[in-house]
Amino acid sequence: MSKEDYRDKIEEHRQSFEDEQKEQQALSRVARMNKNGSNNKKPKNTKRKTPLMTILFVIFILIPLSILIYFLKFYEPGSTIEEAEKNSTEQIVEFDKSGDKTVPVSTDKNKEGDKAGKADKAKEASKKDAEKLAAEQKAAEEAKKAEAAKQAEEARQSEAAKKAEEARRAQAEAARQADAARKAEQARNAEEARKAEEAKQSAKSSTHTVKANENLYRIALNHYGDGSEATLAKIRAANGMSTNTLSVGQVIKLP
């Protein structure tokens, strides 16, 4: 409680005290006796202190005493003034009107409430920490799931790219094989055509019709380029001839 609050309390007490004095003066003697609780006793001649004495009492005794009580009860070494003032709000100062003196009475009304508040704050802080930890764990799990999904997607894309590359290579290999087969077919057809042509040419040159002024030697020389006895013997053997004699129009085989 600040000094201004103490001053306000003191001013209120002083005002109420002055009001009470005025009320006592306004009452009659009998009324004052009845108010004091006795009809037979004479009212005591109490000497009232002047407001100046009360003010001096408050300034020089009550305020220093309150400050001393404040430091003894609430101030903790090492704590700031703000913390001490915060802790001092747990105490309520009341003024006891007993006679002419004003005595401060401090009561601890909020200790249990403060303990409960601290417990609630501790629970709230623990709850917030648990929620924060759960949120962090959830975020980590979500990040882990996202990373796993990303890796799975990359693996799937890599597998798809690999399959596409394999399909492209297979297609290229099939095209190469088809081209090779086509070329082989063309070569085979060309070879067959060549062989057919050779067979045709061979069929044409396998027989010869003897013309005028031709003999076996001349025929061997024209067809084989060789008129040796061995060539002539081969022609005779192919035609079942024993001599080299030929007749015009005779068809002979040329092996």
C-alpha atoms as a PDB file:
ATOM      1  CA  MET A   1       0.000   0.000   0.000  1.00  0.00           C
ATOM      2  CA  SER A   2       1.461   3.381  -1.006  1.00  0.00           C
ATOM      3  CA  LYS A   3       1.768   6.511   1.125  1.00  0.00           C
ATOM      4  CA  GLU A   4      -1.144   8.127  -0.698  1.00  0.00           C
ATOM      5  CA  ASP A   5      -3.407   5.224   0.352  1.00  0.00           C
ATOM      6  CA  TYR A   6      -2.309   5.672   3.990  1.00  0.00           C
ATOM      7  CA  ARG A   7      -2.978   9.380   3.795  1.00  0.00           C
ATOM      8  CA  ASP A   8      -6.437   8.789   2.325  1.00  0.00           C
ATOM      9  CA  LYS A   9      -7.244   6.363   5.140  1.00  0.00           C
ATOM     10  CA  ILE A  10      -5.987   8.811   7.735  1.00  0.00           C
ATOM     11  CA  GLU A  11      -7.981  11.659   6.209  1.00  0.00           C
ATOM     12  CA  GLU A  12     -11.150   9.526   6.209  1.00  0.00           C
ATOM     13  CA  HIS A  13     -10.575   8.613   9.857  1.00  0.00           C
ATOM     14  CA  ARG A  14      -9.952  12.228  10.786  1.00  0.00           C
ATOM     15  CA  GLN A  15     -13.117  13.309   8.993  1.00  0.00           C
ATOM     16  CA  SER A  16     -15.199  10.656  10.737  1.00  0.00           C
ATOM     17  CA  PHE A  17     -13.656  11.660  14.054  1.00  0.00           C
ATOM     18  CA  GLU A  18     -14.546  15.321  13.529  1.00  0.00           C
ATOM     19  CA  ASP A  19     -18.109  14.329  12.544  1.00  0.00           C
ATOM     20  CA  GLU A  20     -18.394  12.317  15.739  1.00  0.00           C
ATOM     21  CA  GLN A  21     -17.190  15.329  17.789  1.00  0.00           C
ATOM     22  CA  LYS A  22     -19.736  17.580  16.169  1.00  0.00           C
ATOM     23  CA  GLU A  23     -22.487  15.024  16.833  1.00  0.00           C
ATOM     24  CA  GLN A  24     -21.436  14.763  20.504  1.00  0.00           C
ATOM     25  CA  GLN A  25     -21.536  18.510  20.896  1.00  0.00           C
ATOM     26  CA  ALA A  26     -25.000  18.703  19.274  1.00  0.00           C
ATOM     27  CA  LEU A  27     -26.502  16.144  21.676  1.00  0.00           C
ATOM     28  CA  SER A  28     -27.774  17.142  25.060  1.00  0.00           C
ATOM     29  CA  ARG A  29     -26.264  15.988  28.269  1.00  0.00           C
ATOM     30  CA  VAL A  30     -28.892  13.282  28.762  1.00  0.00           C
ATOM     31  CA  ALA A  31     -28.488  12.078  25.218  1.00  0.00           C
ATOM     32  CA  ARG A  32     -24.720  11.944  25.633  1.00  0.00           C
ATOM     33  CA  MET A  33     -25.187   9.955  28.851  1.00  0.00           C
ATOM     34  CA  ASN A  34     -27.576   7.563  27.137  1.00  0.00           C
ATOM     35  CA  LYS A  35     -25.206   7.170  24.249  1.00  0.00           C
ATOM     36  CA  ASN A  36     -22.326   6.451  26.597  1.00  0.00           C
ATOM     37  CA  GLY A  37     -24.418   3.576  28.083  1.00  0.00           C
ATOM     38  CA  SER A  38     -25.267   4.864  31.581  1.00  0.00           C
ATOM     39  CA  ASN A  39     -28.106   7.015  32.880  1.00  0.00           C
ATOM     40  CA  ASN A  40     -26.794   7.257  36.443  1.00  0.00           C
ATOM     41  CA  LYS A  41     -23.164   7.938  35.774  1.00  0.00           C
ATOM     42  CA  LYS A  42     -21.959  11.325  34.917  1.00  0.00           C
ATOM     43  CA  PRO A  43     -20.198  11.628  31.662  1.00  0.00           C
ATOM     44  CA  LYS A  44     -16.530  11.480  31.927  1.00  0.00           C
ATOM     45  CA  ASN A  45     -14.693  14.614  31.154  1.00  0.00           C
ATOM     46  CA  THR A  46     -12.484  13.192  28.489  1.00  0.00           C
ATOM     47  CA  LYS A  47      -9.982  15.454  26.989  1.00  0.00           C
ATOM     48  CA  ARG A  48     -10.055  15.266  23.227  1.00  0.00           C
ATOM     49  CA  LYS A  49      -6.939  15.673  21.282  1.00  0.00           C
ATOM     50  CA  THR A  50      -6.932  18.328  18.659  1.00  0.00           C
ATOM     51  CA  PRO A  51      -6.755  17.322  14.983  1.00  0.00           C
ATOM     52  CA  LEU A  52      -3.272  18.807  14.870  1.00  0.00           C
ATOM     53  CA  MET A  53      -2.064  16.311  17.455  1.00  0.00           C
ATOM     54  CA  THR A  54      -3.661  13.488  15.511  1.00  0.00           C
ATOM     55  CA  ILE A  55      -1.976  14.624  12.323  1.00  0.00           C
ATOM     56  CA  LEU A  56       1.381  14.910  14.072  1.00  0.00           C
ATOM     57  CA  PHE A  57       0.861  11.496  15.628  1.00  0.00           C
ATOM     58  CA  VAL A  58       0.135  10.017  12.214  1.00  0.00           C
ATOM     59  CA  ILE A  59       3.061  11.755  10.499  1.00  0.00           C
ATOM     60  CA  PHE A  60       5.764  11.130  13.098  1.00  0.00           C
ATOM     61  CA  ILE A  61       4.657   7.819  14.636  1.00  0.00           C
ATOM     62  CA  LEU A  62       2.126   5.930  12.509  1.00  0.00           C
ATOM     63  CA  ILE A  63       3.742   6.388   9.089  1.00  0.00           C
ATOM     64  CA  PRO A  64       7.296   5.455  10.222  1.00  0.00           C
ATOM     65  CA  LEU A  65       5.836   2.517  12.167  1.00  0.00           C
ATOM     66  CA  SER A  66       3.923   1.367   9.081  1.00  0.00           C
ATOM     67  CA  ILE A  67       7.044   1.657   6.932  1.00  0.00           C
ATOM     68  CA  LEU A  68       9.011  -0.341   9.523  1.00  0.00           C
ATOM     69  CA  ILE A  69       6.315  -3.046   9.635  1.00  0.00           C
ATOM     70  CA  TYR A  70       6.292  -3.077   5.842  1.00  0.00           C
ATOM     71  CA  PHE A  71      10.046  -3.687   5.624  1.00  0.00           C
ATOM     72  CA  LEU A  72      10.028  -6.244   8.428  1.00  0.00           C
ATOM     73  CA  LYS A  73       7.120  -8.313   7.103  1.00  0.00           C
ATOM     74  CA  PHE A  74       7.096  -7.931   3.345  1.00  0.00           C
ATOM     75  CA  TYR A  75      10.491  -6.819   2.111  1.00  0.00           C
ATOM     76  CA  GLU A  76      12.851  -9.609   1.079  1.00  0.00           C
ATOM     77  CA  PRO A  77      16.542  -8.895   0.372  1.00  0.00           C
ATOM     78  CA  GLY A  78      17.336  -9.295  -3.296  1.00  0.00           C
ATOM     79  CA  SER A  79      13.800  -8.567  -4.471  1.00  0.00           C
ATOM     80  CA  THR A  80      12.914  -5.427  -6.373  1.00  0.00           C
ATOM     81  CA  ILE A  81      10.624  -2.712  -5.049  1.00  0.00           C
ATOM     82  CA  GLU A  82       7.965  -3.710  -7.574  1.00  0.00           C
ATOM     83  CA  GLU A  83       8.001  -7.313  -6.289  1.00  0.00           C
ATOM     84  CA  ALA A  84       7.845  -6.104  -2.663  1.00  0.00           C
ATOM     85  CA  GLU A  85       4.887  -3.850  -3.483  1.00  0.00           C
ATOM     86  CA  LYS A  86       3.216  -6.736  -5.303  1.00  0.00           C
ATOM     87  CA  ASN A  87       3.662  -8.960  -2.255  1.00  0.00           C
ATOM     88  CA  SER A  88       2.431  -6.185   0.016  1.00  0.00           C
ATOM     89  CA  THR A  89      -0.931  -6.205  -1.758  1.00  0.00           C
ATOM     90  CA  GLU A  90      -1.569  -9.474   0.044  1.00  0.00           C
ATOM     91  CA  GLN A  91      -1.919  -7.535   3.306  1.00  0.00           C
ATOM     92  CA  ILE A  92      -4.921  -5.327   4.156  1.00  0.00           C
ATOM     93  CA  VAL A  93      -4.480  -2.542   6.692  1.00  0.00           C
ATOM     94  CA  GLU A  94      -7.494  -1.652   8.780  1.00  0.00           C
ATOM     95  CA  PHE A  95      -7.906   1.135  11.346  1.00  0.00           C
ATOM     96  CA  ASP A  96      -9.333   0.298  14.749  1.00  0.00           C
ATOM     97  CA  LYS A  97     -11.317   3.134  16.258  1.00  0.00           C
ATOM     98  CA  SER A  98     -10.744   2.600  19.939  1.00  0.00           C
ATOM     99  CA  GLY A  99     -10.828   5.838  21.808  1.00  0.00           C
ATOM    100  CA  ASP A 100      -8.716   8.584  20.413  1.00  0.00           C
ATOM    101  CA  LYS A 101      -5.834   6.568  18.930  1.00  0.00           C
ATOM    102  CA  THR A 102      -5.676   5.081  15.501  1.00  0.00           C
ATOM    103  CA  VAL A 103      -3.878   1.709  15.422  1.00  0.00           C
ATOM    104  CA  PRO A 104      -3.085  -0.120  12.145  1.00  0.00           C
ATOM    105  CA  VAL A 105      -4.035  -3.760  12.148  1.00  0.00           C
ATOM    106  CA  SER A 106      -2.695  -5.985   9.329  1.00  0.00           C
ATOM    107  CA  THR A 107      -4.492  -9.153   8.367  1.00  0.00           C
ATOM    108  CA  ASP A 108      -3.438 -11.876   5.907  1.00  0.00           C
ATOM    109  CA  LYS A 109      -6.662 -12.456   4.062  1.00  0.00           C
ATOM    110  CA  ASN A 110      -5.274 -13.460   0.723  1.00  0.00           C
ATOM    111  CA  LYS A 111      -2.593 -15.973   1.661  1.00  0.00           C
ATOM    112  CA  GLU A 112      -4.706 -19.007   0.916  1.00  0.00           C
ATOM    113  CA  GLY A 113      -6.104 -17.347  -2.187  1.00  0.00           C
ATOM    114  CA  ASP A 114      -2.569 -16.456  -3.254  1.00  0.00           C
ATOM    115  CA  LYS A 115      -1.440 -20.051  -2.710  1.00  0.00           C
ATOM    116  CA  ALA A 116      -4.384 -21.291  -4.734  1.00  0.00           C
ATOM    117  CA  GLY A 117      -3.600 -18.697  -7.413  1.00  0.00           C
ATOM    118  CA  LYS A 118       0.032 -19.792  -7.511  1.00  0.00           C
ATOM    119  CA  ALA A 119      -1.045 -23.416  -7.749  1.00  0.00           C
ATOM    120  CA  ASP A 120      -3.426 -22.526 -10.568  1.00  0.00           C
ATOM    121  CA  LYS A 121      -0.675 -20.570 -12.303  1.00  0.00           C
ATOM    122  CA  ALA A 122       1.686 -23.521 -11.905  1.00  0.00           C
ATOM    123  CA  LYS A 123      -0.948 -25.865 -13.329  1.00  0.00           C
ATOM    124  CA  GLU A 124      -1.619 -23.447 -16.159  1.00  0.00           C
ATOM    125  CA  ALA A 125       2.103 -23.142 -16.901  1.00  0.00           C
ATOM    126  CA  SER A 126       2.476 -26.929 -16.780  1.00  0.00           C
ATOM    127  CA  LYS A 127      -0.526 -27.285 -19.061  1.00  0.00           C
ATOM    128  CA  LYS A 128       0.912 -24.736 -21.496  1.00  0.00           C
ATOM    129  CA  ASP A 129       4.273 -26.510 -21.438  1.00  0.00           C
ATOM    130  CA  ALA A 130       2.557 -29.845 -22.100  1.00  0.00           C
ATOM    131  CA  GLU A 131       0.527 -28.324 -24.921  1.00  0.00           C
ATOM    132  CA  LYS A 132       3.656 -26.719 -26.354  1.00  0.00           C
ATOM    133  CA  LEU A 133       5.541 -30.024 -26.150  1.00  0.00           C
ATOM    134  CA  ALA A 134       2.612 -31.866 -27.745  1.00  0.00           C
ATOM    135  CA  ALA A 135       2.448 -29.253 -30.507  1.00  0.00           C
ATOM    136  CA  GLU A 136       6.184 -29.572 -31.116  1.00  0.00           C
ATOM    137  CA  GLN A 137       5.931 -33.377 -31.207  1.00  0.00           C
ATOM    138  CA  LYS A 138       2.963 -33.150 -33.572  1.00  0.00           C
ATOM    139  CA  ALA A 139       4.846 -30.719 -35.809  1.00  0.00           C
ATOM    140  CA  ALA A 140       7.886 -33.032 -35.785  1.00  0.00           C
ATOM    141  CA  GLU A 141       5.700 -36.029 -36.676  1.00  0.00           C
ATOM    142  CA  GLU A 142       4.002 -34.080 -39.462  1.00  0.00           C
ATOM    143  CA  ALA A 143       7.393 -32.958 -40.780  1.00  0.00           C
ATOM    144  CA  LYS A 144       8.614 -36.559 -40.613  1.00  0.00           C
ATOM    145  CA  LYS A 145       5.511 -37.767 -42.474  1.00  0.00           C
ATOM    146  CA  ALA A 146       5.938 -35.016 -45.064  1.00  0.00           C
ATOM    147  CA  GLU A 147       9.599 -35.981 -45.529  1.00  0.00           C
ATOM    148  CA  ALA A 148       8.651 -39.667 -45.869  1.00  0.00           C
ATOM    149  CA  ALA A 149       5.934 -38.766 -48.388  1.00  0.00           C
ATOM    150  CA  LYS A 150       8.422 -36.617 -50.293  1.00  0.00           C
ATOM    151  CA  GLN A 151      10.968 -39.434 -50.367  1.00  0.00           C
ATOM    152  CA  ALA A 152       8.272 -41.907 -51.476  1.00  0.00           C
ATOM    153  CA  GLU A 153       7.197 -39.518 -54.236  1.00  0.00           C
ATOM    154  CA  GLU A 154      10.795 -39.057 -55.345  1.00  0.00           C
ATOM    155  CA  ALA A 155      11.295 -42.839 -55.321  1.00  0.00           C
ATOM    156  CA  ARG A 156       8.093 -43.305 -57.321  1.00  0.00           C
ATOM    157  CA  GLN A 157       9.145 -40.675 -59.838  1.00  0.00           C
ATOM    158  CA  SER A 158      12.600 -42.231 -60.070  1.00  0.00           C
ATOM    159  CA  GLU A 159      11.062 -45.677 -60.605  1.00  0.00           C
ATOM    160  CA  ALA A 160       8.696 -44.289 -63.246  1.00  0.00           C
ATOM    161  CA  ALA A 161      11.616 -42.557 -64.991  1.00  0.00           C
ATOM    162  CA  LYS A 162      13.616 -45.791 -64.830  1.00  0.00           C
ATOM    163  CA  LYS A 163      10.733 -47.777 -66.329  1.00  0.00           C
ATOM    164  CA  ALA A 164      10.255 -45.149 -69.022  1.00  0.00           C
ATOM    165  CA  GLU A 165      13.976 -45.315 -69.853  1.00  0.00           C
ATOM    166  CA  GLU A 166      13.812 -49.107 -69.964  1.00  0.00           C
ATOM    167  CA  ALA A 167      10.763 -48.952 -72.250  1.00  0.00           C
ATOM    168  CA  ARG A 168      12.570 -46.469 -74.508  1.00  0.00           C
ATOM    169  CA  ARG A 169      15.617 -48.707 -74.645  1.00  0.00           C
ATOM    170  CA  ALA A 170      13.449 -51.755 -75.343  1.00  0.00           C
ATOM    171  CA  GLN A 171      11.677 -49.851 -78.106  1.00  0.00           C
ATOM    172  CA  ALA A 172      15.017 -48.750 -79.555  1.00  0.00           C
ATOM    173  CA  GLU A 173      16.295 -52.332 -79.326  1.00  0.00           C
ATOM    174  CA  ALA A 174      13.146 -53.616 -81.011  1.00  0.00           C
ATOM    175  CA  ALA A 175      13.545 -51.018 -83.761  1.00  0.00           C
ATOM    176  CA  ARG A 176      17.213 -51.979 -84.167  1.00  0.00           C
ATOM    177  CA  GLN A 177      16.323 -55.659 -84.320  1.00  0.00           C
ATOM    178  CA  ALA A 178      13.542 -54.920 -86.808  1.00  0.00           C
ATOM    179  CA  ASP A 179      15.966 -52.913 -88.926  1.00  0.00           C
ATOM    180  CA  ALA A 180      18.553 -55.691 -88.668  1.00  0.00           C
ATOM    181  CA  ALA A 181      15.904 -58.246 -89.625  1.00  0.00           C
ATOM    182  CA  ARG A 182      14.837 -56.067 -92.532  1.00  0.00           C
ATOM    183  CA  LYS A 183      18.414 -55.700 -93.665  1.00  0.00           C
ATOM    184  CA  ALA A 184      18.982 -59.449 -93.237  1.00  0.00           C
ATOM    185  CA  GLU A 185      15.826 -60.117 -95.245  1.00  0.00           C
ATOM    186  CA  GLN A 186      16.985 -57.739 -97.933  1.00  0.00           C
ATOM    187  CA  ALA A 187      20.414 -59.409 -97.968  1.00  0.00           C
ATOM    188  CA  ARG A 188      18.821 -62.851 -98.072  1.00  0.00           C
ATOM    189  CA  ASN A 189      16.537 -61.798-100.911  1.00  0.00           C
ATOM    190  CA  ALA A 190      19.478 -60.289-102.742  1.00  0.00           C
ATOM    191  CA  GLU A 191      21.476 -63.485-102.210  1.00  0.00           C
ATOM    192  CA  GLU A 192      18.575 -65.580-103.428  1.00  0.00           C
ATOM    193  CA  ALA A 193      18.198 -63.311-106.447  1.00  0.00           C
ATOM    194  CA  ARG A 194      21.897 -63.572-107.109  1.00  0.00           C
ATOM    195  CA  LYS A 195      21.778 -67.322-106.790  1.00  0.00           C
ATOM    196  CA  ALA A 196      18.747 -67.468-109.027  1.00  0.00           C
ATOM    197  CA  GLU A 197      20.520 -65.347-111.562  1.00  0.00           C
ATOM    198  CA  GLU A 198      23.573 -67.513-111.328  1.00  0.00           C
ATOM    199  CA  ALA A 199      21.422 -70.596-111.641  1.00  0.00           C
ATOM    200  CA  LYS A 200      19.767 -69.054-114.666  1.00  0.00           C
ATOM    201  CA  GLN A 201      23.064 -68.179-116.163  1.00  0.00           C
ATOM    202  CA  SER A 202      24.343 -71.630-115.259  1.00  0.00           C
ATOM    203  CA  ALA A 203      21.279 -73.204-116.820  1.00  0.00           C
ATOM    204  CA  LYS A 204      21.875 -71.239-119.936  1.00  0.00           C
ATOM    205  CA  SER A 205      25.523 -72.237-120.145  1.00  0.00           C
ATOM    206  CA  SER A 206      25.092 -75.895-119.106  1.00  0.00           C
ATOM    207  CA  THR A 207      24.251 -76.978-122.639  1.00  0.00           C
ATOM    208  CA  HIS A 208      25.652 -75.991-126.014  1.00  0.00           C
ATOM    209  CA  THR A 209      24.461 -76.673-129.549  1.00  0.00           C
ATOM    210  CA  VAL A 210      27.285 -77.494-131.881  1.00  0.00           C
ATOM    211  CA  LYS A 211      27.533 -75.123-134.810  1.00  0.00           C
ATOM    212  CA  ALA A 212      29.372 -75.433-138.099  1.00  0.00           C
ATOM    213  CA  ASN A 213      33.122 -75.349-137.962  1.00  0.00           C
ATOM    214  CA  GLU A 214      33.091 -76.006-134.159  1.00  0.00           C
ATOM    215  CA  ASN A 215      34.965 -78.779-132.463  1.00  0.00           C
ATOM    216  CA  LEU A 216      35.283 -79.910-128.864  1.00  0.00           C
ATOM    217  CA  TYR A 217      38.529 -78.008-128.342  1.00  0.00           C
ATOM    218  CA  ARG A 218      37.024 -74.680-129.519  1.00  0.00           C
ATOM    219  CA  ILE A 219      33.919 -75.189-127.365  1.00  0.00           C
ATOM    220  CA  ALA A 220      36.068 -75.867-124.253  1.00  0.00           C
ATOM    221  CA  LEU A 221      38.208 -72.870-124.990  1.00  0.00           C
ATOM    222  CA  ASN A 222      35.158 -70.554-125.399  1.00  0.00           C
ATOM    223  CA  HIS A 223      33.338 -71.762-122.264  1.00  0.00           C
ATOM    224  CA  TYR A 224      36.174 -72.550-119.889  1.00  0.00           C
ATOM    225  CA  GLY A 225      39.073 -70.625-121.373  1.00  0.00           C
ATOM    226  CA  ASP A 226      41.019 -73.787-121.277  1.00  0.00           C
ATOM    227  CA  GLY A 227      41.429 -76.330-124.090  1.00  0.00           C
ATOM    228  CA  SER A 228      43.560 -78.781-122.207  1.00  0.00           C
ATOM    229  CA  GLU A 229      43.041 -82.521-122.313  1.00  0.00           C
ATOM    230  CA  ALA A 230      41.661 -82.527-118.815  1.00  0.00           C
ATOM    231  CA  THR A 231      38.903 -80.087-119.786  1.00  0.00           C
ATOM    232  CA  LEU A 232      38.121 -82.095-122.880  1.00  0.00           C
ATOM    233  CA  ALA A 233      37.996 -85.311-120.809  1.00  0.00           C
ATOM    234  CA  LYS A 234      35.499 -83.685-118.426  1.00  0.00           C
ATOM    235  CA  ILE A 235      33.213 -82.698-121.318  1.00  0.00           C
ATOM    236  CA  ARG A 236      33.458 -86.186-122.863  1.00  0.00           C
ATOM    237  CA  ALA A 237      32.632 -87.788-119.501  1.00  0.00           C
ATOM    238  CA  ALA A 238      29.597 -85.522-119.017  1.00  0.00           C
ATOM    239  CA  ASN A 239      28.251 -86.467-122.441  1.00  0.00           C
ATOM    240  CA  GLY A 240      29.352 -90.176-122.485  1.00  0.00           C
ATOM    241  CA  MET A 241      31.635 -89.556-125.464  1.00  0.00           C
ATOM    242  CA  SER A 242      34.691 -91.652-126.247  1.00  0.00           C
ATOM    243  CA  THR A 243      36.120 -89.347-128.927  1.00  0.00           C
ATOM    244  CA  ASN A 244      36.250 -85.634-129.656  1.00  0.00           C
ATOM    245  CA  THR A 245      34.122 -85.951-132.810  1.00  0.00           C
ATOM    246  CA  LEU A 246      31.057 -83.693-132.958  1.00  0.00           C
ATOM    247  CA  SER A 247      28.304 -83.167-135.495  1.00  0.00           C
ATOM    248  CA  VAL A 248      26.541 -79.919-136.426  1.00  0.00           C
ATOM    249  CA  GLY A 249      23.364 -79.400-134.316  1.00  0.00           C
ATOM    250  CA  GLN A 250      24.461 -81.801-131.610  1.00  0.00           C
ATOM    251  CA  VAL A 251      23.567 -80.649-128.039  1.00  0.00           C
ATOM    252  CA  ILE A 252      26.264 -81.314-125.479  1.00  0.00           C
ATOM    253  CA  LYS A 253      26.385 -80.721-121.768  1.00  0.00           C
ATOM    254  CA  LEU A 254      29.036 -78.476-120.329  1.00  0.00           C
ATOM    255  CA  PRO A 255      29.779 -79.455-116.736  1.00  0.00           C
END
